[in-house]
Protein backbone atom coordinates (compact mmCIF):
# COMPACT_ATOMS: atom_id res chain seq x y z
CA UNK A 1 -77.65 -161.25 104.37
CA UNK A 2 -75.72 -161.56 107.73
CA UNK A 3 -77.70 -163.57 110.23
CA UNK A 4 -78.02 -162.08 113.99
CA UNK A 5 -77.04 -164.85 115.87
CA UNK A 6 -73.51 -164.47 113.68
CA UNK A 7 -72.79 -160.75 114.89
CA UNK A 8 -69.92 -160.64 117.34
CA UNK A 9 -71.61 -159.56 120.41
CA UNK A 10 -68.03 -157.88 121.76
CA UNK A 11 -67.80 -155.79 118.55
CA UNK A 12 -71.29 -154.94 118.42
CA UNK A 13 -70.63 -153.31 121.76
CA UNK A 14 -67.71 -151.54 120.80
CA UNK A 15 -69.28 -150.32 117.76
CA UNK A 16 -72.32 -148.90 120.04
CA UNK A 17 -69.67 -147.34 122.14
CA UNK A 18 -68.69 -145.09 119.09
CA UNK A 19 -71.91 -143.42 119.60
CA UNK A 20 -70.62 -141.53 122.79
CA UNK A 21 -67.35 -141.17 121.44
CA UNK A 22 -68.83 -139.35 118.52
CA UNK A 23 -69.95 -136.64 120.93
CA UNK A 24 -66.91 -136.91 123.49
CA UNK A 25 -63.71 -137.85 122.05
CA UNK A 26 -62.42 -138.42 125.66
CA UNK A 27 -64.62 -141.37 125.81
CA UNK A 28 -62.83 -143.26 122.91
CA UNK A 29 -59.55 -144.23 124.98
CA UNK A 30 -61.01 -144.14 127.98
CA UNK A 31 -63.92 -146.66 127.47
CA UNK A 32 -61.50 -149.23 125.98
CA UNK A 33 -58.50 -148.42 129.38
CA UNK A 34 -61.82 -149.01 131.50
CA UNK A 35 -62.58 -152.38 129.81
CA UNK A 36 -59.11 -153.77 130.20
CA UNK A 37 -58.30 -152.60 133.80
CA UNK A 38 -61.76 -153.84 134.72
CA UNK A 39 -61.22 -157.18 133.24
CA UNK A 40 -57.78 -158.07 134.98
CA UNK A 41 -59.14 -156.81 138.08
CA UNK A 42 -62.05 -159.34 137.68
CA UNK A 43 -59.44 -162.09 136.99
CA UNK A 44 -57.97 -161.20 140.38
CA UNK A 45 -61.10 -161.38 142.21
CA UNK A 46 -60.93 -164.99 140.52
CA UNK A 47 -64.40 -164.45 139.15
CA UNK A 48 -65.49 -166.76 136.21
CA UNK A 49 -64.04 -166.17 132.78
CA UNK A 50 -67.49 -165.36 131.42
CA UNK A 51 -68.22 -162.48 134.41
CA UNK A 52 -64.55 -161.17 133.34
CA UNK A 53 -65.73 -160.67 130.03
CA UNK A 54 -69.16 -159.77 130.74
CA UNK A 55 -67.48 -156.88 132.61
CA UNK A 56 -64.97 -156.09 130.05
CA UNK A 57 -67.85 -155.30 127.92
CA UNK A 58 -69.81 -153.40 130.26
CA UNK A 59 -66.52 -151.12 130.69
CA UNK A 60 -66.47 -150.58 127.02
CA UNK A 61 -70.25 -149.05 127.75
CA UNK A 62 -70.20 -147.54 131.27
CA UNK A 63 -70.68 -144.18 130.29
CA UNK A 64 -72.76 -144.49 127.28
CA UNK A 65 -75.55 -142.58 129.46
CA UNK A 66 -73.13 -139.21 128.34
CA UNK A 67 -75.25 -139.28 125.12
CA UNK A 68 -78.10 -137.78 127.23
CA UNK A 69 -76.13 -135.02 128.69
CA UNK A 70 -76.13 -131.50 126.55
CA UNK A 71 -72.83 -130.51 125.10
CA UNK A 72 -72.50 -127.41 127.14
CA UNK A 73 -71.99 -129.53 129.95
CA UNK A 74 -70.32 -132.63 128.75
CA UNK A 75 -67.80 -130.54 126.77
CA UNK A 76 -67.27 -127.93 128.82
CA UNK A 77 -63.84 -126.85 129.73
CA UNK A 78 -64.39 -125.17 133.38
CA UNK A 79 -65.35 -126.59 136.47
CA UNK A 80 -69.20 -127.49 136.66
CA UNK A 81 -71.44 -125.76 138.83
CA UNK A 82 -73.74 -127.55 141.20
CA UNK A 83 -76.58 -127.95 139.07
CA UNK A 84 -74.27 -128.85 135.95
CA UNK A 85 -72.77 -131.70 138.05
CA UNK A 86 -76.23 -133.21 139.25
CA UNK A 87 -76.64 -133.33 135.53
CA UNK A 88 -73.99 -135.03 134.75
CA UNK A 89 -74.85 -137.35 137.40
CA UNK A 90 -77.43 -138.70 135.66
CA UNK A 91 -75.16 -140.51 132.67
CA UNK A 92 -75.53 -143.39 134.83
CA UNK A 93 -79.05 -143.53 134.99
CA UNK A 94 -79.20 -142.93 131.37
CA UNK A 95 -76.80 -145.73 130.75
CA UNK A 96 -79.01 -147.84 132.67
CA UNK A 97 -82.05 -147.01 131.20
CA UNK A 98 -80.39 -148.30 127.70
CA UNK A 99 -80.03 -151.67 129.07
CA UNK A 100 -82.53 -152.13 131.60
CA UNK A 101 -85.34 -153.70 129.41
CA UNK A 102 -83.16 -156.07 127.57
CA UNK A 103 -83.25 -159.79 128.89
CA UNK A 104 -80.04 -160.97 129.76
CA UNK A 105 -78.72 -157.39 130.03
CA UNK A 106 -80.65 -155.99 133.34
CA UNK A 107 -77.56 -157.25 135.30
CA UNK A 108 -75.31 -154.91 132.79
CA UNK A 109 -77.84 -152.04 134.02
CA UNK A 110 -77.42 -152.00 137.29
CA UNK A 111 -73.80 -152.33 137.30
CA UNK A 112 -73.84 -149.42 135.04
CA UNK A 113 -76.21 -147.37 137.16
CA UNK A 114 -73.86 -148.02 140.17
CA UNK A 115 -70.45 -147.22 139.14
CA UNK A 116 -70.10 -144.06 140.86
CA UNK A 117 -71.66 -145.13 144.27
CA UNK A 118 -69.07 -144.95 146.91
CA UNK A 119 -68.15 -147.38 149.31
CA UNK A 120 -69.00 -144.86 152.29
CA UNK A 121 -72.66 -144.05 150.71
CA UNK A 122 -71.61 -140.46 149.45
CA UNK A 123 -71.80 -141.62 145.83
CA UNK A 124 -74.61 -141.74 143.11
CA UNK A 125 -77.14 -141.97 142.00
CA UNK A 126 -78.65 -144.13 144.92
CA UNK A 127 -76.30 -143.63 148.21
CA UNK A 128 -75.68 -147.26 147.91
CA UNK A 129 -72.67 -148.38 150.85
CA UNK A 130 -70.30 -151.18 151.49
CA UNK A 131 -71.60 -154.25 150.22
CA UNK A 132 -74.57 -153.22 148.93
CA UNK A 133 -72.89 -151.78 145.82
CA UNK A 134 -72.75 -154.73 143.04
CA UNK A 135 -68.97 -155.66 143.20
CA UNK A 136 -68.68 -155.08 139.18
CA UNK A 137 -69.65 -151.52 139.78
CA UNK A 138 -67.03 -151.43 142.26
CA UNK A 139 -64.36 -152.54 140.21
CA UNK A 140 -65.46 -150.35 137.58
CA UNK A 141 -65.17 -147.41 139.73
CA UNK A 142 -61.53 -147.91 140.41
CA UNK A 143 -60.66 -148.51 136.88
CA UNK A 144 -62.85 -145.50 135.88
CA UNK A 145 -61.22 -143.42 138.77
CA UNK A 146 -57.90 -144.07 137.98
CA UNK A 147 -58.05 -143.77 134.12
CA UNK A 148 -59.70 -140.07 134.80
CA UNK A 149 -56.99 -139.43 136.99
CA UNK A 150 -54.04 -140.37 134.79
CA UNK A 151 -55.86 -138.97 131.73
CA UNK A 152 -55.30 -134.95 130.81
CA UNK A 153 -58.55 -133.19 130.24
CA UNK A 154 -58.77 -129.60 129.44
CA UNK A 155 -59.63 -128.65 132.82
CA UNK A 156 -57.23 -130.66 134.84
CA UNK A 157 -53.58 -131.82 134.37
CA UNK A 158 -53.18 -135.43 134.30
CA UNK A 159 -51.89 -137.16 137.78
CA UNK A 160 -48.61 -139.09 137.63
CA UNK A 161 -48.93 -142.90 137.97
CA UNK A 162 -47.43 -142.60 141.64
CA UNK A 163 -49.72 -139.71 142.26
CA UNK A 164 -52.82 -141.69 141.13
CA UNK A 165 -51.71 -144.76 143.52
CA UNK A 166 -51.76 -142.46 146.59
CA UNK A 167 -55.00 -140.99 145.74
CA UNK A 168 -56.41 -144.34 145.36
CA UNK A 169 -55.25 -145.69 148.55
CA UNK A 170 -56.01 -142.12 150.39
CA UNK A 171 -59.42 -143.08 149.34
CA UNK A 172 -59.62 -147.13 150.32
CA UNK A 173 -62.73 -147.80 152.38
CA UNK A 174 -64.38 -144.43 151.98
CA UNK A 175 -64.69 -143.93 147.83
CA UNK A 176 -63.36 -147.51 146.74
CA UNK A 177 -64.50 -150.86 148.01
CA UNK A 178 -61.28 -151.97 150.43
CA UNK A 179 -60.67 -155.23 148.88
CA UNK A 180 -61.16 -153.96 145.19
CA UNK A 181 -58.87 -150.92 146.23
CA UNK A 182 -55.86 -153.38 147.46
CA UNK A 183 -56.30 -155.70 144.07
CA UNK A 184 -56.01 -152.79 141.98
CA UNK A 185 -52.84 -151.27 143.87
CA UNK A 186 -51.16 -154.62 143.58
CA UNK A 187 -52.27 -154.71 139.90
CA UNK A 188 -50.83 -151.33 139.25
CA UNK A 189 -47.19 -152.57 141.39
CA UNK A 190 -47.10 -155.49 138.72
CA UNK A 191 -47.66 -153.10 136.03
CA UNK A 192 -45.44 -149.74 137.16
CA UNK A 193 -45.95 -148.51 133.64
CA UNK A 194 -49.72 -148.41 133.41
């Protein structure tokens, strides 16, 4: 019998992510890509290797709260109504609730909860502003937005890398943390194929 201490935590998290992928196939590649981008941005921020590995794991599960969103909303091919959009926003709270009472993972819960906050305070779920947003959440926010912009969905065409670059630059200091935004744009310049 395998001991719990012998289980690879990162592989366990990737397996956990498959729960939402079974419900929403878009999340499969999205979570992996967000994870990779977030880890690179973390390295560019000169954070510790341990913090970067931790953020890589969070990238895999940042949208796990979507498991609690009704299929009719999650899989809707058209634009969400205002009420549906409010329900969709609950995925951040749902995701945080999965990890918030696990010793050592409460920080993960906080980062997941705030990955849709905006630098100008107009995000959700708590309307945090500026430096009150956890830095790791600001990193996930840029990675998440970029991947969402550049991925085809039934209700929207994918943006080109250049269009996504311009959109992120345009939202510097409003949606995105300025420093994280600059690091991301620099990363995109170094990796012109995305």
